[in-house]
Amino acid sequence: MELKIEFDDFMQDLEQLIEETVQNVNHNSYTKEYFSTKEVQEYMGGISKGTLAKMVNLGLKKIVIDRICLYKKADVDDFLEEYRR
């Protein structure tokens, strides 16, 4: 009986930890104001570098500082909204 109670407590704690971790991951991923190239690819649904380059050619704004590319989340959202059908 004691073992079952401990297991139930463990499972409850584990479920809570998983829920908190998922919330933190979601919060940290998409509340950032600027994305790296890899992050913006993930944010846009896992697109390739080639597809991202095509989007930049179509007008997606990027910031380049000493070969580091950053994308402002608001600019990405605005760009995607332009192509919404």
PDB file of N, CA and C in Angstrom:
ATOM      1  N   MET A   1       0.823  -1.192   0.000  1.00  0.00           N
ATOM      2  CA  MET A   1       0.000   0.000   0.000  1.00  0.00           C
ATOM      3  C   MET A   1       0.869   1.258   0.000  1.00  0.00           C
ATOM      4  N   GLU A   2       1.909   1.252   0.794  1.00  0.00           N
ATOM      5  CA  GLU A   2       2.794   2.403   0.899  1.00  0.00           C
ATOM      6  C   GLU A   2       3.502   2.662  -0.430  1.00  0.00           C
ATOM      7  N   LEU A   3       3.863   1.596  -1.118  1.00  0.00           N
ATOM      8  CA  LEU A   3       4.542   1.721  -2.402  1.00  0.00           C
ATOM      9  C   LEU A   3       3.632   2.375  -3.438  1.00  0.00           C
ATOM     10  N   LYS A   4       2.355   2.018  -3.446  1.00  0.00           N
ATOM     11  CA  LYS A   4       1.402   2.597  -4.391  1.00  0.00           C
ATOM     12  C   LYS A   4       1.257   4.090  -4.149  1.00  0.00           C
ATOM     13  N   ILE A   5       1.198   4.515  -2.911  1.00  0.00           N
ATOM     14  CA  ILE A   5       1.073   5.937  -2.593  1.00  0.00           C
ATOM     15  C   ILE A   5       2.308   6.686  -3.082  1.00  0.00           C
ATOM     16  N   GLU A   6       3.481   6.121  -2.848  1.00  0.00           N
ATOM     17  CA  GLU A   6       4.708   6.763  -3.303  1.00  0.00           C
ATOM     18  C   GLU A   6       4.739   6.851  -4.828  1.00  0.00           C
ATOM     19  N   PHE A   7       4.294   5.802  -5.493  1.00  0.00           N
ATOM     20  CA  PHE A   7       4.270   5.807  -6.952  1.00  0.00           C
ATOM     21  C   PHE A   7       3.290   6.852  -7.471  1.00  0.00           C
ATOM     22  N   ASP A   8       2.117   6.925  -6.860  1.00  0.00           N
ATOM     23  CA  ASP A   8       1.125   7.922  -7.268  1.00  0.00           C
ATOM     24  C   ASP A   8       1.662   9.338  -7.079  1.00  0.00           C
ATOM     25  N   ASP A   9       2.334   9.581  -5.963  1.00  0.00           N
ATOM     26  CA  ASP A   9       2.943  10.893  -5.714  1.00  0.00           C
ATOM     27  C   ASP A   9       4.013  11.191  -6.758  1.00  0.00           C
ATOM     28  N   PHE A  10       4.813  10.186  -7.065  1.00  0.00           N
ATOM     29  CA  PHE A  10       5.860  10.344  -8.067  1.00  0.00           C
ATOM     30  C   PHE A  10       5.256  10.701  -9.424  1.00  0.00           C
ATOM     31  N   MET A  11       4.213   9.993  -9.816  1.00  0.00           N
ATOM     32  CA  MET A  11       3.578  10.249 -11.109  1.00  0.00           C
ATOM     33  C   MET A  11       2.967  11.650 -11.153  1.00  0.00           C
ATOM     34  N   GLN A  12       2.375  12.067 -10.068  1.00  0.00           N
ATOM     35  CA  GLN A  12       1.786  13.403 -10.007  1.00  0.00           C
ATOM     36  C   GLN A  12       2.879  14.474 -10.135  1.00  0.00           C
ATOM     37  N   ASP A  13       3.982  14.281  -9.427  1.00  0.00           N
ATOM     38  CA  ASP A  13       5.104  15.221  -9.517  1.00  0.00           C
ATOM     39  C   ASP A  13       5.692  15.243 -10.930  1.00  0.00           C
ATOM     40  N   LEU A  14       5.803  14.073 -11.536  1.00  0.00           N
ATOM     41  CA  LEU A  14       6.343  13.973 -12.888  1.00  0.00           C
ATOM     42  C   LEU A  14       5.443  14.691 -13.891  1.00  0.00           C
ATOM     43  N   GLU A  15       4.144  14.496 -13.784  1.00  0.00           N
ATOM     44  CA  GLU A  15       3.206  15.168 -14.686  1.00  0.00           C
ATOM     45  C   GLU A  15       3.308  16.684 -14.550  1.00  0.00           C
ATOM     46  N   GLN A  16       3.436  17.157 -13.324  1.00  0.00           N
ATOM     47  CA  GLN A  16       3.558  18.594 -13.088  1.00  0.00           C
ATOM     48  C   GLN A  16       4.859  19.130 -13.685  1.00  0.00           C
ATOM     49  N   LEU A  17       5.940  18.395 -13.508  1.00  0.00           N
ATOM     50  CA  LEU A  17       7.232  18.807 -14.053  1.00  0.00           C
ATOM     51  C   LEU A  17       7.199  18.866 -15.581  1.00  0.00           C
ATOM     52  N   ILE A  18       6.588  17.879 -16.196  1.00  0.00           N
ATOM     53  CA  ILE A  18       6.471  17.859 -17.657  1.00  0.00           C
ATOM     54  C   ILE A  18       5.646  19.050 -18.138  1.00  0.00           C
ATOM     55  N   GLU A  19       4.537  19.308 -17.489  1.00  0.00           N
ATOM     56  CA  GLU A  19       3.685  20.431 -17.875  1.00  0.00           C
ATOM     57  C   GLU A  19       4.426  21.761 -17.755  1.00  0.00           C
ATOM     58  N   GLU A  20       5.155  21.961 -16.662  1.00  0.00           N
ATOM     59  CA  GLU A  20       5.920  23.195 -16.467  1.00  0.00           C
ATOM     60  C   GLU A  20       7.026  23.328 -17.513  1.00  0.00           C
ATOM     61  N   THR A  21       7.674  22.224 -17.835  1.00  0.00           N
ATOM     62  CA  THR A  21       8.749  22.247 -18.829  1.00  0.00           C
ATOM     63  C   THR A  21       8.214  22.622 -20.202  1.00  0.00           C
ATOM     64  N   VAL A  22       7.106  22.035 -20.600  1.00  0.00           N
ATOM     65  CA  VAL A  22       6.498  22.343 -21.898  1.00  0.00           C
ATOM     66  C   VAL A  22       6.092  23.813 -21.956  1.00  0.00           C
ATOM     67  N   GLN A  23       5.511  24.324 -20.890  1.00  0.00           N
ATOM     68  CA  GLN A  23       5.120  25.736 -20.860  1.00  0.00           C
ATOM     69  C   GLN A  23       6.337  26.640 -20.983  1.00  0.00           C
ATOM     70  N   ASN A  24       7.424  26.289 -20.302  1.00  0.00           N
ATOM     71  CA  ASN A  24       8.646  27.094 -20.374  1.00  0.00           C
ATOM     72  C   ASN A  24       9.251  27.066 -21.769  1.00  0.00           C
ATOM     73  N   VAL A  25       9.259  25.905 -22.393  1.00  0.00           N
ATOM     74  CA  VAL A  25       9.804  25.792 -23.748  1.00  0.00           C
ATOM     75  C   VAL A  25       8.988  26.647 -24.703  1.00  0.00           C
ATOM     76  N   ASN A  26       7.682  26.537 -24.642  1.00  0.00           N
ATOM     77  CA  ASN A  26       6.825  27.327 -25.525  1.00  0.00           C
ATOM     78  C   ASN A  26       6.989  28.811 -25.258  1.00  0.00           C
ATOM     79  N   HIS A  27       7.058  29.181 -24.017  1.00  0.00           N
ATOM     80  CA  HIS A  27       7.200  30.588 -23.640  1.00  0.00           C
ATOM     81  C   HIS A  27       8.533  31.142 -24.124  1.00  0.00           C
ATOM     82  N   ASN A  28       9.602  30.424 -23.906  1.00  0.00           N
ATOM     83  CA  ASN A  28      10.930  30.907 -24.281  1.00  0.00           C
ATOM     84  C   ASN A  28      11.126  30.961 -25.787  1.00  0.00           C
ATOM     85  N   SER A  29      10.514  30.045 -26.515  1.00  0.00           N
ATOM     86  CA  SER A  29      10.725  29.978 -27.956  1.00  0.00           C
ATOM     87  C   SER A  29      10.088  31.135 -28.700  1.00  0.00           C
ATOM     88  N   TYR A  30       8.917  31.548 -28.287  1.00  0.00           N
ATOM     89  CA  TYR A  30       8.175  32.489 -29.101  1.00  0.00           C
ATOM     90  C   TYR A  30       7.923  33.830 -28.436  1.00  0.00           C
ATOM     91  N   THR A  31       8.528  34.100 -27.298  1.00  0.00           N
ATOM     92  CA  THR A  31       8.405  35.419 -26.700  1.00  0.00           C
ATOM     93  C   THR A  31       9.646  36.249 -26.959  1.00  0.00           C
ATOM     94  N   LYS A  32      10.627  35.668 -27.595  1.00  0.00           N
ATOM     95  CA  LYS A  32      11.832  36.408 -27.949  1.00  0.00           C
ATOM     96  C   LYS A  32      11.476  37.433 -29.016  1.00  0.00           C
ATOM     97  N   GLU A  33      12.137  38.581 -28.962  1.00  0.00           N
ATOM     98  CA  GLU A  33      11.874  39.618 -29.956  1.00  0.00           C
ATOM     99  C   GLU A  33      12.649  39.363 -31.250  1.00  0.00           C
ATOM    100  N   TYR A  34      13.812  38.738 -31.136  1.00  0.00           N
ATOM    101  CA  TYR A  34      14.654  38.472 -32.305  1.00  0.00           C
ATOM    102  C   TYR A  34      14.996  36.987 -32.379  1.00  0.00           C
ATOM    103  N   PHE A  35      15.017  36.459 -33.597  1.00  0.00           N
ATOM    104  CA  PHE A  35      15.341  35.058 -33.834  1.00  0.00           C
ATOM    105  C   PHE A  35      16.644  34.945 -34.617  1.00  0.00           C
ATOM    106  N   SER A  36      17.403  33.908 -34.322  1.00  0.00           N
ATOM    107  CA  SER A  36      18.538  33.544 -35.173  1.00  0.00           C
ATOM    108  C   SER A  36      17.974  32.869 -36.422  1.00  0.00           C
ATOM    109  N   THR A  37      18.838  32.580 -37.380  1.00  0.00           N
ATOM    110  CA  THR A  37      18.389  31.905 -38.599  1.00  0.00           C
ATOM    111  C   THR A  37      17.734  30.568 -38.269  1.00  0.00           C
ATOM    112  N   LYS A  38      18.366  29.802 -37.411  1.00  0.00           N
ATOM    113  CA  LYS A  38      17.823  28.490 -37.044  1.00  0.00           C
ATOM    114  C   LYS A  38      16.478  28.628 -36.325  1.00  0.00           C
ATOM    115  N   GLU A  39      16.380  29.600 -35.432  1.00  0.00           N
ATOM    116  CA  GLU A  39      15.134  29.800 -34.688  1.00  0.00           C
ATOM    117  C   GLU A  39      14.000  30.252 -35.600  1.00  0.00           C
ATOM    118  N   VAL A  40      14.293  31.143 -36.556  1.00  0.00           N
ATOM    119  CA  VAL A  40      13.234  31.608 -37.452  1.00  0.00           C
ATOM    120  C   VAL A  40      12.778  30.475 -38.373  1.00  0.00           C
ATOM    121  N   GLN A  41      13.699  29.605 -38.771  1.00  0.00           N
ATOM    122  CA  GLN A  41      13.315  28.447 -39.580  1.00  0.00           C
ATOM    123  C   GLN A  41      12.340  27.569 -38.799  1.00  0.00           C
ATOM    124  N   GLU A  42      12.630  27.337 -37.536  1.00  0.00           N
ATOM    125  CA  GLU A  42      11.751  26.521 -36.698  1.00  0.00           C
ATOM    126  C   GLU A  42      10.416  27.224 -36.483  1.00  0.00           C
ATOM    127  N   TYR A  43      10.461  28.512 -36.194  1.00  0.00           N
ATOM    128  CA  TYR A  43       9.251  29.300 -35.947  1.00  0.00           C
ATOM    129  C   TYR A  43       8.320  29.263 -37.155  1.00  0.00           C
ATOM    130  N   MET A  44       8.903  29.232 -38.345  1.00  0.00           N
ATOM    131  CA  MET A  44       8.106  29.239 -39.568  1.00  0.00           C
ATOM    132  C   MET A  44       7.730  27.832 -40.024  1.00  0.00           C
ATOM    133  N   GLY A  45       7.816  26.885 -39.148  1.00  0.00           N
ATOM    134  CA  GLY A  45       7.343  25.539 -39.450  1.00  0.00           C
ATOM    135  C   GLY A  45       8.405  24.570 -39.907  1.00  0.00           C
ATOM    136  N   GLY A  46       9.655  24.869 -39.629  1.00  0.00           N
ATOM    137  CA  GLY A  46      10.731  23.959 -39.998  1.00  0.00           C
ATOM    138  C   GLY A  46      11.176  24.108 -41.442  1.00  0.00           C
ATOM    139  N   ILE A  47      11.114  25.331 -41.955  1.00  0.00           N
ATOM    140  CA  ILE A  47      11.509  25.554 -43.347  1.00  0.00           C
ATOM    141  C   ILE A  47      13.022  25.406 -43.518  1.00  0.00           C
ATOM    142  N   SER A  48      13.436  25.190 -44.757  1.00  0.00           N
ATOM    143  CA  SER A  48      14.864  25.038 -45.056  1.00  0.00           C
ATOM    144  C   SER A  48      15.527  26.409 -45.190  1.00  0.00           C
ATOM    145  N   LYS A  49      16.869  26.406 -45.207  1.00  0.00           N
ATOM    146  CA  LYS A  49      17.608  27.658 -45.421  1.00  0.00           C
ATOM    147  C   LYS A  49      17.302  28.231 -46.801  1.00  0.00           C
ATOM    148  N   GLY A  50      17.136  27.359 -47.774  1.00  0.00           N
ATOM    149  CA  GLY A  50      16.808  27.805 -49.128  1.00  0.00           C
ATOM    150  C   GLY A  50      15.464  28.511 -49.192  1.00  0.00           C
ATOM    151  N   THR A  51      14.478  27.949 -48.522  1.00  0.00           N
ATOM    152  CA  THR A  51      13.157  28.578 -48.482  1.00  0.00           C
ATOM    153  C   THR A  51      13.227  29.913 -47.756  1.00  0.00           C
ATOM    154  N   LEU A  52      13.986  29.965 -46.676  1.00  0.00           N
ATOM    155  CA  LEU A  52      14.156  31.222 -45.952  1.00  0.00           C
ATOM    156  C   LEU A  52      14.814  32.269 -46.854  1.00  0.00           C
ATOM    157  N   ALA A  53      15.808  31.867 -47.627  1.00  0.00           N
ATOM    158  CA  ALA A  53      16.475  32.794 -48.551  1.00  0.00           C
ATOM    159  C   ALA A  53      15.485  33.327 -49.593  1.00  0.00           C
ATOM    160  N   LYS A  54      14.598  32.463 -50.092  1.00  0.00           N
ATOM    161  CA  LYS A  54      13.578  32.905 -51.049  1.00  0.00           C
ATOM    162  C   LYS A  54      12.648  33.927 -50.405  1.00  0.00           C
ATOM    163  N   MET A  55      12.300  33.696 -49.139  1.00  0.00           N
ATOM    164  CA  MET A  55      11.419  34.630 -48.438  1.00  0.00           C
ATOM    165  C   MET A  55      12.100  35.978 -48.228  1.00  0.00           C
ATOM    166  N   VAL A  56      13.391  35.952 -47.964  1.00  0.00           N
ATOM    167  CA  VAL A  56      14.150  37.204 -47.837  1.00  0.00           C
ATOM    168  C   VAL A  56      14.124  37.946 -49.176  1.00  0.00           C
ATOM    169  N   ASN A  57      14.284  37.217 -50.281  1.00  0.00           N
ATOM    170  CA  ASN A  57      14.213  37.836 -51.614  1.00  0.00           C
ATOM    171  C   ASN A  57      12.828  38.404 -51.911  1.00  0.00           C
ATOM    172  N   LEU A  58      11.802  37.820 -51.282  1.00  0.00           N
ATOM    173  CA  LEU A  58      10.432  38.310 -51.458  1.00  0.00           C
ATOM    174  C   LEU A  58      10.108  39.481 -50.531  1.00  0.00           C
ATOM    175  N   GLY A  59      11.037  39.808 -49.629  1.00  0.00           N
ATOM    176  CA  GLY A  59      10.813  40.987 -48.794  1.00  0.00           C
ATOM    177  C   GLY A  59      10.884  40.777 -47.298  1.00  0.00           C
ATOM    178  N   LEU A  60      11.125  39.554 -46.848  1.00  0.00           N
ATOM    179  CA  LEU A  60      11.285  39.330 -45.409  1.00  0.00           C
ATOM    180  C   LEU A  60      12.513  40.095 -44.930  1.00  0.00           C
ATOM    181  N   LYS A  61      12.317  40.946 -43.937  1.00  0.00           N
ATOM    182  CA  LYS A  61      13.418  41.774 -43.440  1.00  0.00           C
ATOM    183  C   LYS A  61      14.337  40.959 -42.543  1.00  0.00           C
ATOM    184  N   LYS A  62      15.638  41.234 -42.664  1.00  0.00           N
ATOM    185  CA  LYS A  62      16.602  40.610 -41.768  1.00  0.00           C
ATOM    186  C   LYS A  62      17.622  41.654 -41.350  1.00  0.00           C
ATOM    187  N   ILE A  63      18.234  41.413 -40.224  1.00  0.00           N
ATOM    188  CA  ILE A  63      19.259  42.296 -39.684  1.00  0.00           C
ATOM    189  C   ILE A  63      20.578  41.546 -39.783  1.00  0.00           C
ATOM    190  N   VAL A  64      21.577  42.160 -40.383  1.00  0.00           N
ATOM    191  CA  VAL A  64      22.889  41.522 -40.513  1.00  0.00           C
ATOM    192  C   VAL A  64      23.917  42.405 -39.817  1.00  0.00           C
ATOM    193  N   ILE A  65      24.581  41.824 -38.829  1.00  0.00           N
ATOM    194  CA  ILE A  65      25.648  42.504 -38.105  1.00  0.00           C
ATOM    195  C   ILE A  65      26.843  41.561 -38.081  1.00  0.00           C
ATOM    196  N   ASP A  66      27.900  41.957 -38.776  1.00  0.00           N
ATOM    197  CA  ASP A  66      29.126  41.157 -38.794  1.00  0.00           C
ATOM    198  C   ASP A  66      28.846  39.684 -39.106  1.00  0.00           C
ATOM    199  N   ARG A  67      28.116  39.446 -40.186  1.00  0.00           N
ATOM    200  CA  ARG A  67      27.755  38.103 -40.662  1.00  0.00           C
ATOM    201  C   ARG A  67      26.788  37.348 -39.756  1.00  0.00           C
ATOM    202  N   ILE A  68      26.209  38.004 -38.778  1.00  0.00           N
ATOM    203  CA  ILE A  68      25.189  37.383 -37.934  1.00  0.00           C
ATOM    204  C   ILE A  68      23.835  37.894 -38.404  1.00  0.00           C
ATOM    205  N   CYS A  69      22.945  36.962 -38.760  1.00  0.00           N
ATOM    206  CA  CYS A  69      21.612  37.333 -39.238  1.00  0.00           C
ATOM    207  C   CYS A  69      20.599  37.160 -38.116  1.00  0.00           C
ATOM    208  N   LEU A  70      19.790  38.180 -37.944  1.00  0.00           N
ATOM    209  CA  LEU A  70      18.698  38.130 -36.977  1.00  0.00           C
ATOM    210  C   LEU A  70      17.411  38.539 -37.674  1.00  0.00           C
ATOM    211  N   TYR A  71      16.315  38.014 -37.190  1.00  0.00           N
ATOM    212  CA  TYR A  71      15.006  38.313 -37.741  1.00  0.00           C
ATOM    213  C   TYR A  71      14.109  38.760 -36.598  1.00  0.00           C
ATOM    214  N   LYS A  72      13.498  39.929 -36.751  1.00  0.00           N
ATOM    215  CA  LYS A  72      12.589  40.434 -35.724  1.00  0.00           C
ATOM    216  C   LYS A  72      11.268  39.680 -35.840  1.00  0.00           C
ATOM    217  N   LYS A  73      10.771  39.190 -34.721  1.00  0.00           N
ATOM    218  CA  LYS A  73       9.548  38.388 -34.716  1.00  0.00           C
ATOM    219  C   LYS A  73       8.397  39.140 -35.376  1.00  0.00           C
ATOM    220  N   ALA A  74       8.259  40.423 -35.060  1.00  0.00           N
ATOM    221  CA  ALA A  74       7.174  41.216 -35.644  1.00  0.00           C
ATOM    222  C   ALA A  74       7.298  41.285 -37.166  1.00  0.00           C
ATOM    223  N   ASP A  75       8.519  41.395 -37.680  1.00  0.00           N
ATOM    224  CA  ASP A  75       8.731  41.422 -39.134  1.00  0.00           C
ATOM    225  C   ASP A  75       8.355  40.086 -39.769  1.00  0.00           C
ATOM    226  N   VAL A  76       8.690  39.005 -39.099  1.00  0.00           N
ATOM    227  CA  VAL A  76       8.343  37.668 -39.605  1.00  0.00           C
ATOM    228  C   VAL A  76       6.827  37.509 -39.634  1.00  0.00           C
ATOM    229  N   ASP A  77       6.174  37.893 -38.540  1.00  0.00           N
ATOM    230  CA  ASP A  77       4.714  37.787 -38.477  1.00  0.00           C
ATOM    231  C   ASP A  77       4.053  38.648 -39.553  1.00  0.00           C
ATOM    232  N   ASP A  78       4.557  39.873 -39.745  1.00  0.00           N
ATOM    233  CA  ASP A  78       4.005  40.758 -40.782  1.00  0.00           C
ATOM    234  C   ASP A  78       4.183  40.154 -42.169  1.00  0.00           C
ATOM    235  N   PHE A  79       5.362  39.603 -42.433  1.00  0.00           N
ATOM    236  CA  PHE A  79       5.632  38.983 -43.731  1.00  0.00           C
ATOM    237  C   PHE A  79       4.667  37.826 -43.979  1.00  0.00           C
ATOM    238  N   LEU A  80       4.496  36.970 -42.993  1.00  0.00           N
ATOM    239  CA  LEU A  80       3.587  35.830 -43.150  1.00  0.00           C
ATOM    240  C   LEU A  80       2.155  36.299 -43.359  1.00  0.00           C
ATOM    241  N   GLU A  81       1.776  37.336 -42.657  1.00  0.00           N
ATOM    242  CA  GLU A  81       0.414  37.864 -42.777  1.00  0.00           C
ATOM    243  C   GLU A  81       0.145  38.386 -44.196  1.00  0.00           C
ATOM    244  N   GLU A  82       1.168  38.961 -44.834  1.00  0.00           N
ATOM    245  CA  GLU A  82       1.020  39.451 -46.210  1.00  0.00           C
ATOM    246  C   GLU A  82       0.631  38.329 -47.171  1.00  0.00           C
ATOM    247  N   TYR A  83       1.063  37.114 -46.884  1.00  0.00           N
ATOM    248  CA  TYR A  83       0.820  35.989 -47.785  1.00  0.00           C
ATOM    249  C   TYR A  83      -0.341  35.109 -47.332  1.00  0.00           C
ATOM    250  N   ARG A  84      -1.039  35.544 -46.315  1.00  0.00           N
ATOM    251  CA  ARG A  84      -2.210  34.778 -45.854  1.00  0.00           C
ATOM    252  C   ARG A  84      -3.289  34.842 -46.926  1.00  0.00           C
ATOM    253  N   ARG A  85      -3.922  33.716 -47.177  1.00  0.00           N
ATOM    254  CA  ARG A  85      -4.999  33.672 -48.183  1.00  0.00           C
ATOM    255  C   ARG A  85      -6.319  33.450 -47.513  1.00  0.00           C
TER     256      ARG A  85
END
